Amino acid sequence: METGTLSTAPGRPELIDSAGWPPPTPPLCQHGAPFTLARVRLTEFWDRMRAQFGEGYAESVAKDYVLSALGSRTVNQALADGEDAKAVWRAVCEAFRVPERLR
C-alpha cells in the first residue's frame, strides 16, 4: 500500500504508512501531554487573559510584566520555557488579583 491510503479493516479504516503501520501517535509536549491538549490549554489561557485584560492589553501584560511567581519571567517567557498554562494563569491571577469568577 502507498502512504496515505486507508486500510480495509472492517469497521475501522485508518491511514497507514508505506510499511503498513498505522500513523504514529501525536507528538508529546515537554510535560508528556499530547500537543492537542497543550493547544487547548493555551487557547483557554489566552481566552482568560483577554477576558481579564482586554484584547490588546492581554498581549502587553504577557510580554511586559515580570512575575515573581514565574521565576522572574514574563508570561510569554514562562510559556515558551514549557510551563503549564494552568500554572502560568494561577501566577497571573495572584499578581493581578483576578476575580474568582474568571479564575
Protein backbone atom coordinates (compact mmCIF):
# COMPACT_ATOMS: atom_id res chain seq x y z
CA MET A 1 0.00 0.00 0.00
CA GLU A 2 1.08 3.58 -0.52
CA THR A 3 1.43 6.19 2.19
CA GLY A 4 -1.84 7.87 2.98
CA THR A 5 -4.17 5.09 1.84
CA LEU A 6 -6.91 3.68 4.01
CA SER A 7 -6.80 0.18 5.43
CA THR A 8 -9.75 -2.05 4.76
CA ALA A 9 -10.11 -3.39 8.29
CA PRO A 10 -13.85 -3.89 8.83
CA GLY A 11 -15.36 -1.09 10.87
CA ARG A 12 -12.05 0.65 11.49
CA PRO A 13 -10.48 2.32 8.50
CA GLU A 14 -7.31 4.26 9.28
CA LEU A 15 -4.41 5.83 7.47
CA ILE A 16 -1.38 3.62 7.12
CA ASP A 17 2.17 4.32 6.04
CA SER A 18 4.19 2.56 3.36
CA ALA A 19 5.30 -0.11 5.84
CA GLY A 20 1.68 -0.93 6.65
CA TRP A 21 1.70 0.50 10.14
CA PRO A 22 -0.86 3.00 11.47
CA PRO A 23 0.40 6.57 11.75
CA PRO A 24 2.36 7.42 14.87
CA THR A 25 0.58 8.84 17.89
CA PRO A 26 0.60 12.63 18.15
CA PRO A 27 3.89 14.06 19.39
CA LEU A 28 4.11 14.95 23.06
CA CYS A 29 4.92 18.32 24.58
CA GLN A 30 7.67 18.76 27.17
CA HIS A 31 5.42 17.59 30.02
CA GLY A 32 4.29 14.44 28.21
CA ALA A 33 0.79 15.64 27.25
CA PRO A 34 -0.32 15.42 23.64
CA PHE A 35 0.15 18.67 21.75
CA THR A 36 -3.60 18.77 21.19
CA LEU A 37 -4.18 19.04 24.95
CA ALA A 38 -1.47 21.68 25.26
CA ARG A 39 -3.11 23.67 22.44
CA VAL A 40 -6.48 23.50 24.19
CA ARG A 41 -4.91 24.73 27.42
CA LEU A 42 -3.17 27.60 25.64
CA THR A 43 -6.39 28.56 23.89
CA GLU A 44 -8.21 28.60 27.21
CA PHE A 45 -5.35 30.57 28.77
CA TRP A 46 -5.48 33.29 26.10
CA ASP A 47 -9.28 33.42 26.28
CA ARG A 48 -8.99 34.09 30.01
CA MET A 49 -6.24 36.68 29.51
CA ARG A 50 -8.39 38.56 27.01
CA ALA A 51 -11.44 38.33 29.29
CA GLN A 52 -9.45 39.84 32.17
CA PHE A 53 -7.31 42.43 30.39
CA GLY A 54 -8.98 43.05 27.04
CA GLU A 55 -7.87 42.13 23.54
CA GLY A 56 -4.87 44.45 23.20
CA TYR A 57 -3.74 44.72 26.80
CA ALA A 58 -3.56 40.94 27.36
CA GLU A 59 -0.62 40.68 24.97
CA SER A 60 1.11 43.62 26.65
CA VAL A 61 0.72 42.04 30.09
CA ALA A 62 2.13 38.75 28.77
CA LYS A 63 5.09 40.46 27.13
CA ASP A 64 5.97 43.22 29.59
CA TYR A 65 5.23 42.19 33.18
CA VAL A 66 7.82 40.12 35.04
CA LEU A 67 6.14 37.95 37.66
CA SER A 68 7.99 36.64 40.69
CA ALA A 69 5.72 33.59 40.81
CA LEU A 70 7.07 32.65 37.38
CA GLY A 71 10.69 32.82 38.50
CA SER A 72 11.08 36.45 37.45
CA ARG A 73 9.92 35.71 33.91
CA THR A 74 7.17 37.17 31.80
CA VAL A 75 4.12 35.13 30.86
CA ASN A 76 5.48 34.73 27.34
CA GLN A 77 8.87 33.56 28.63
CA ALA A 78 7.29 31.06 31.01
CA LEU A 79 5.06 29.60 28.30
CA ALA A 80 7.99 29.45 25.86
CA ASP A 81 10.01 27.60 28.52
CA GLY A 82 7.29 24.95 28.69
CA GLU A 83 5.49 26.00 31.87
CA ASP A 84 2.00 24.59 32.12
CA ALA A 85 -0.62 27.15 31.04
CA LYS A 86 -2.63 26.48 34.22
CA ALA A 87 0.35 27.30 36.43
CA VAL A 88 1.01 30.48 34.45
CA TRP A 89 -2.65 31.50 34.73
CA ARG A 90 -2.52 30.97 38.52
CA ALA A 91 0.52 33.26 38.69
CA VAL A 92 -1.32 35.91 36.66
CA CYS A 93 -4.36 35.60 38.95
CA GLU A 94 -2.18 36.07 42.01
CA ALA A 95 -0.24 39.03 40.62
CA PHE A 96 -3.25 40.91 39.24
CA ARG A 97 -5.93 39.87 41.76
CA VAL A 98 -8.14 38.35 39.09
CA PRO A 99 -11.75 37.95 40.30
CA GLU A 100 -12.79 34.44 41.32
CA ARG A 101 -15.35 34.22 38.51
CA LEU A 102 -12.52 34.44 35.94
CA ARG A 103 -10.09 32.06 37.62
